[in-house]
Amino acid sequence: MAVPRKGSRRLNVEGVAYRWRVRGRPTYEQGLAMSPLTYAVELAEAPGSTLVVTTGRAHPGNWIGAPADPVLPSQVAAAVLAALARGWAPHRPGSAFHLDQL
């Protein structure tokens, strides 16, 4: 699962460049506020494994008007640091690394 360049944002964490992106349109369950917002992070220049972060908030595009806070770059940076501490190796190819922040 690669992060599309279009719509992604750059972020530097401890001198390393990453790209991150929230899915533009909610999935069906996110639209009904039944499943939480997720976002993806990968290295900016030589992507390997993708980090998928599950938050405890609703997707901002949900259809029922559930309150949705935006994902801030500082929160993404904190998630990257937490994932790195738990063994995420962003430079190695492989399956996605999942981090729950519920």
N, C-alpha and C. Protein backbone atom coordinates (compact mmCIF):
# COMPACT_ATOMS: atom_id res chain seq x y z
N MET A 1 0.85 -1.17 0.00
CA MET A 1 0.00 0.00 0.00
C MET A 1 0.90 1.23 0.00
N ALA A 2 0.92 1.92 -1.06
CA ALA A 2 1.73 3.13 -1.18
C ALA A 2 0.86 4.37 -0.96
N VAL A 3 1.49 5.41 -0.46
CA VAL A 3 0.79 6.68 -0.25
C VAL A 3 0.84 7.45 -1.56
N PRO A 4 -0.32 7.77 -2.14
CA PRO A 4 -0.30 8.56 -3.38
C PRO A 4 0.34 9.92 -3.14
N ARG A 5 1.13 10.38 -4.09
CA ARG A 5 1.78 11.69 -3.95
C ARG A 5 0.77 12.83 -3.95
N LYS A 6 -0.25 12.69 -4.78
CA LYS A 6 -1.26 13.74 -4.86
C LYS A 6 -2.06 13.77 -3.55
N GLY A 7 -2.08 14.93 -2.94
CA GLY A 7 -2.82 15.09 -1.70
C GLY A 7 -2.04 14.74 -0.45
N SER A 8 -0.81 14.27 -0.60
CA SER A 8 -0.03 13.92 0.58
C SER A 8 0.72 15.15 1.09
N ARG A 9 1.12 15.11 2.35
CA ARG A 9 1.85 16.21 2.96
C ARG A 9 3.20 15.71 3.43
N ARG A 10 4.20 16.57 3.34
CA ARG A 10 5.54 16.22 3.80
C ARG A 10 5.69 16.58 5.27
N LEU A 11 6.54 15.80 5.93
CA LEU A 11 6.78 16.01 7.35
C LEU A 11 8.19 15.53 7.67
N ASN A 12 8.94 16.31 8.40
CA ASN A 12 10.28 15.91 8.85
C ASN A 12 10.20 15.50 10.31
N VAL A 13 10.68 14.29 10.59
CA VAL A 13 10.74 13.78 11.95
C VAL A 13 12.18 13.38 12.22
N GLU A 14 12.81 14.10 13.11
CA GLU A 14 14.21 13.86 13.47
C GLU A 14 15.12 13.82 12.24
N GLY A 15 14.90 14.75 11.32
CA GLY A 15 15.74 14.89 10.14
C GLY A 15 15.42 13.94 8.99
N VAL A 16 14.38 13.15 9.12
CA VAL A 16 13.98 12.21 8.06
C VAL A 16 12.66 12.71 7.45
N ALA A 17 12.61 12.74 6.11
CA ALA A 17 11.40 13.23 5.42
C ALA A 17 10.40 12.09 5.20
N TYR A 18 9.17 12.34 5.58
CA TYR A 18 8.06 11.40 5.39
C TYR A 18 6.96 12.09 4.61
N ARG A 19 6.08 11.28 4.03
CA ARG A 19 4.84 11.78 3.42
C ARG A 19 3.69 11.10 4.12
N TRP A 20 2.62 11.84 4.36
CA TRP A 20 1.45 11.25 5.01
C TRP A 20 0.18 11.76 4.35
N ARG A 21 -0.87 10.97 4.50
CA ARG A 21 -2.12 11.32 3.83
C ARG A 21 -3.30 10.67 4.52
N VAL A 22 -4.36 11.44 4.66
CA VAL A 22 -5.66 10.94 5.11
C VAL A 22 -6.47 10.66 3.85
N ARG A 23 -7.16 9.54 3.84
CA ARG A 23 -8.01 9.21 2.70
C ARG A 23 -9.04 10.33 2.50
N GLY A 24 -9.14 10.81 1.27
CA GLY A 24 -10.01 11.95 0.97
C GLY A 24 -11.48 11.68 1.21
N ARG A 25 -11.97 10.59 0.68
CA ARG A 25 -13.36 10.22 0.89
C ARG A 25 -13.42 9.10 1.91
N PRO A 26 -14.38 9.14 2.80
CA PRO A 26 -14.46 8.08 3.81
C PRO A 26 -14.91 6.76 3.18
N THR A 27 -14.48 5.65 3.79
CA THR A 27 -15.04 4.36 3.41
C THR A 27 -16.50 4.35 3.85
N TYR A 28 -17.25 3.34 3.47
CA TYR A 28 -18.66 3.29 3.84
C TYR A 28 -18.83 3.31 5.36
N GLU A 29 -18.04 2.50 6.06
CA GLU A 29 -18.15 2.45 7.52
C GLU A 29 -17.65 3.74 8.17
N GLN A 30 -16.63 4.37 7.60
CA GLN A 30 -16.19 5.67 8.12
C GLN A 30 -17.24 6.73 7.88
N GLY A 31 -17.95 6.65 6.75
CA GLY A 31 -19.01 7.60 6.45
C GLY A 31 -20.15 7.54 7.45
N LEU A 32 -20.39 6.34 7.97
CA LEU A 32 -21.43 6.15 8.97
C LEU A 32 -20.88 6.32 10.39
N ALA A 33 -19.63 6.69 10.52
CA ALA A 33 -18.93 6.87 11.80
C ALA A 33 -18.91 5.58 12.61
N MET A 34 -18.86 4.45 11.91
CA MET A 34 -18.80 3.15 12.57
C MET A 34 -17.36 2.66 12.71
N SER A 35 -16.47 3.17 11.88
CA SER A 35 -15.06 2.81 12.01
C SER A 35 -14.25 4.10 12.04
N PRO A 36 -13.09 4.07 12.70
CA PRO A 36 -12.33 5.30 12.92
C PRO A 36 -11.52 5.73 11.70
N LEU A 37 -11.07 6.95 11.78
CA LEU A 37 -10.21 7.55 10.77
C LEU A 37 -8.85 6.86 10.78
N THR A 38 -8.29 6.61 9.61
CA THR A 38 -6.94 6.08 9.48
C THR A 38 -6.17 7.00 8.55
N TYR A 39 -4.84 6.99 8.70
CA TYR A 39 -3.99 7.70 7.76
C TYR A 39 -2.73 6.89 7.55
N ALA A 40 -2.06 7.16 6.44
CA ALA A 40 -0.88 6.39 6.06
C ALA A 40 0.35 7.30 6.02
N VAL A 41 1.50 6.71 6.38
CA VAL A 41 2.77 7.44 6.41
C VAL A 41 3.83 6.56 5.76
N GLU A 42 4.72 7.16 4.98
CA GLU A 42 5.85 6.44 4.41
C GLU A 42 7.01 7.39 4.20
N LEU A 43 8.19 6.84 3.96
CA LEU A 43 9.35 7.67 3.65
C LEU A 43 9.07 8.46 2.38
N ALA A 44 9.55 9.68 2.32
CA ALA A 44 9.27 10.55 1.18
C ALA A 44 10.02 10.15 -0.08
N GLU A 45 11.28 9.79 0.05
CA GLU A 45 12.11 9.57 -1.14
C GLU A 45 12.21 8.12 -1.56
N ALA A 46 12.36 7.21 -0.63
CA ALA A 46 12.53 5.79 -0.96
C ALA A 46 11.58 4.96 -0.11
N PRO A 47 10.28 4.99 -0.44
CA PRO A 47 9.31 4.32 0.42
C PRO A 47 9.53 2.81 0.48
N GLY A 48 9.32 2.28 1.65
CA GLY A 48 9.38 0.83 1.86
C GLY A 48 8.06 0.40 2.47
N SER A 49 8.09 0.06 3.74
CA SER A 49 6.88 -0.33 4.46
C SER A 49 6.06 0.92 4.81
N THR A 50 4.76 0.79 4.71
CA THR A 50 3.86 1.90 5.02
C THR A 50 3.34 1.76 6.44
N LEU A 51 3.26 2.86 7.15
CA LEU A 51 2.67 2.90 8.48
C LEU A 51 1.20 3.29 8.33
N VAL A 52 0.31 2.48 8.89
CA VAL A 52 -1.12 2.79 8.87
C VAL A 52 -1.54 3.05 10.31
N VAL A 53 -1.98 4.27 10.58
CA VAL A 53 -2.35 4.68 11.93
C VAL A 53 -3.87 4.76 12.04
N THR A 54 -4.40 4.07 13.04
CA THR A 54 -5.84 4.11 13.31
C THR A 54 -6.05 5.03 14.50
N THR A 55 -6.87 6.04 14.31
CA THR A 55 -7.14 7.01 15.37
C THR A 55 -8.46 6.68 16.04
N GLY A 56 -8.76 7.38 17.09
CA GLY A 56 -10.03 7.18 17.78
C GLY A 56 -11.07 8.21 17.41
N ARG A 57 -10.90 8.85 16.27
CA ARG A 57 -11.81 9.93 15.87
C ARG A 57 -12.55 9.57 14.59
N ALA A 58 -13.58 10.32 14.31
CA ALA A 58 -14.37 10.11 13.10
C ALA A 58 -13.68 10.75 11.90
N HIS A 59 -13.95 10.21 10.72
CA HIS A 59 -13.43 10.81 9.48
C HIS A 59 -14.14 12.16 9.28
N PRO A 60 -13.39 13.20 8.87
CA PRO A 60 -14.02 14.51 8.70
C PRO A 60 -15.10 14.53 7.63
N GLY A 61 -15.11 13.58 6.74
CA GLY A 61 -16.12 13.53 5.70
C GLY A 61 -17.28 12.60 6.02
N ASN A 62 -17.47 12.28 7.30
CA ASN A 62 -18.56 11.35 7.63
C ASN A 62 -19.90 11.98 7.29
N TRP A 63 -20.87 11.13 7.05
CA TRP A 63 -22.16 11.57 6.51
C TRP A 63 -23.18 11.92 7.57
N ILE A 64 -22.89 11.58 8.82
CA ILE A 64 -23.91 11.79 9.85
C ILE A 64 -23.62 12.99 10.74
N GLY A 65 -22.55 13.70 10.44
CA GLY A 65 -22.22 14.90 11.20
C GLY A 65 -21.55 14.64 12.53
N ALA A 66 -20.92 13.48 12.69
CA ALA A 66 -20.19 13.20 13.93
C ALA A 66 -19.02 14.18 14.05
N PRO A 67 -18.72 14.65 15.24
CA PRO A 67 -17.60 15.58 15.40
C PRO A 67 -16.29 14.94 14.96
N ALA A 68 -15.51 15.68 14.20
CA ALA A 68 -14.25 15.14 13.67
C ALA A 68 -13.15 16.18 13.84
N ASP A 69 -12.15 15.84 14.60
CA ASP A 69 -10.99 16.73 14.77
C ASP A 69 -9.99 16.46 13.65
N PRO A 70 -9.30 17.49 13.18
CA PRO A 70 -8.31 17.27 12.13
C PRO A 70 -7.07 16.55 12.68
N VAL A 71 -6.36 15.87 11.80
CA VAL A 71 -5.10 15.25 12.16
C VAL A 71 -4.02 16.31 12.00
N LEU A 72 -3.28 16.56 13.06
CA LEU A 72 -2.25 17.60 13.04
C LEU A 72 -0.88 16.98 12.74
N PRO A 73 0.00 17.73 12.09
CA PRO A 73 1.33 17.21 11.81
C PRO A 73 2.07 16.77 13.07
N SER A 74 1.85 17.44 14.18
CA SER A 74 2.51 17.03 15.43
C SER A 74 2.03 15.65 15.88
N GLN A 75 0.76 15.33 15.62
CA GLN A 75 0.23 14.01 15.96
C GLN A 75 0.82 12.94 15.05
N VAL A 76 1.01 13.28 13.78
CA VAL A 76 1.63 12.34 12.85
C VAL A 76 3.07 12.08 13.26
N ALA A 77 3.80 13.13 13.63
CA ALA A 77 5.18 12.97 14.08
C ALA A 77 5.25 12.08 15.32
N ALA A 78 4.33 12.27 16.26
CA ALA A 78 4.30 11.43 17.46
C ALA A 78 4.01 9.97 17.10
N ALA A 79 3.12 9.75 16.13
CA ALA A 79 2.81 8.39 15.69
C ALA A 79 4.02 7.74 15.03
N VAL A 80 4.76 8.50 14.23
CA VAL A 80 5.97 7.97 13.58
C VAL A 80 6.98 7.55 14.64
N LEU A 81 7.20 8.40 15.63
CA LEU A 81 8.15 8.07 16.70
C LEU A 81 7.70 6.83 17.48
N ALA A 82 6.41 6.73 17.76
CA ALA A 82 5.89 5.56 18.47
C ALA A 82 6.06 4.29 17.65
N ALA A 83 5.79 4.38 16.35
CA ALA A 83 5.93 3.21 15.47
C ALA A 83 7.39 2.79 15.35
N LEU A 84 8.28 3.75 15.24
CA LEU A 84 9.70 3.43 15.18
C LEU A 84 10.15 2.73 16.46
N ALA A 85 9.65 3.18 17.61
CA ALA A 85 9.99 2.56 18.88
C ALA A 85 9.44 1.13 18.98
N ARG A 86 8.36 0.86 18.26
CA ARG A 86 7.75 -0.48 18.28
C ARG A 86 8.25 -1.39 17.16
N GLY A 87 9.22 -0.90 16.39
CA GLY A 87 9.84 -1.79 15.41
C GLY A 87 9.52 -1.53 13.95
N TRP A 88 8.82 -0.46 13.63
CA TRP A 88 8.55 -0.16 12.23
C TRP A 88 9.86 0.19 11.53
N ALA A 89 10.12 -0.46 10.41
CA ALA A 89 11.31 -0.20 9.61
C ALA A 89 10.85 0.38 8.28
N PRO A 90 10.73 1.71 8.17
CA PRO A 90 10.14 2.32 6.98
C PRO A 90 10.97 2.15 5.71
N HIS A 91 12.23 1.83 5.83
CA HIS A 91 13.10 1.69 4.66
C HIS A 91 13.05 0.28 4.08
N ARG A 92 12.49 -0.68 4.80
CA ARG A 92 12.41 -2.06 4.32
C ARG A 92 11.08 -2.31 3.64
N PRO A 93 11.10 -2.95 2.48
CA PRO A 93 9.82 -3.29 1.85
C PRO A 93 9.12 -4.37 2.66
N GLY A 94 7.83 -4.39 2.55
CA GLY A 94 7.05 -5.39 3.27
C GLY A 94 5.64 -4.93 3.49
N SER A 95 4.94 -5.70 4.30
CA SER A 95 3.54 -5.38 4.55
C SER A 95 3.44 -4.14 5.44
N ALA A 96 2.27 -3.60 5.49
CA ALA A 96 2.03 -2.38 6.26
C ALA A 96 2.20 -2.65 7.75
N PHE A 97 2.66 -1.65 8.46
CA PHE A 97 2.81 -1.70 9.91
C PHE A 97 1.62 -0.94 10.49
N HIS A 98 0.85 -1.60 11.35
CA HIS A 98 -0.35 -0.98 11.89
C HIS A 98 -0.10 -0.47 13.31
N LEU A 99 -0.54 0.75 13.56
CA LEU A 99 -0.41 1.37 14.88
C LEU A 99 -1.79 1.88 15.29
N ASP A 100 -2.29 1.38 16.41
CA ASP A 100 -3.58 1.82 16.92
C ASP A 100 -3.37 2.92 17.94
N GLN A 101 -4.04 4.02 17.74
CA GLN A 101 -4.04 5.12 18.71
C GLN A 101 -5.47 5.43 19.12
N LEU A 102 -6.16 4.43 19.57
CA LEU A 102 -7.56 4.57 19.93
C LEU A 102 -7.74 5.19 21.29
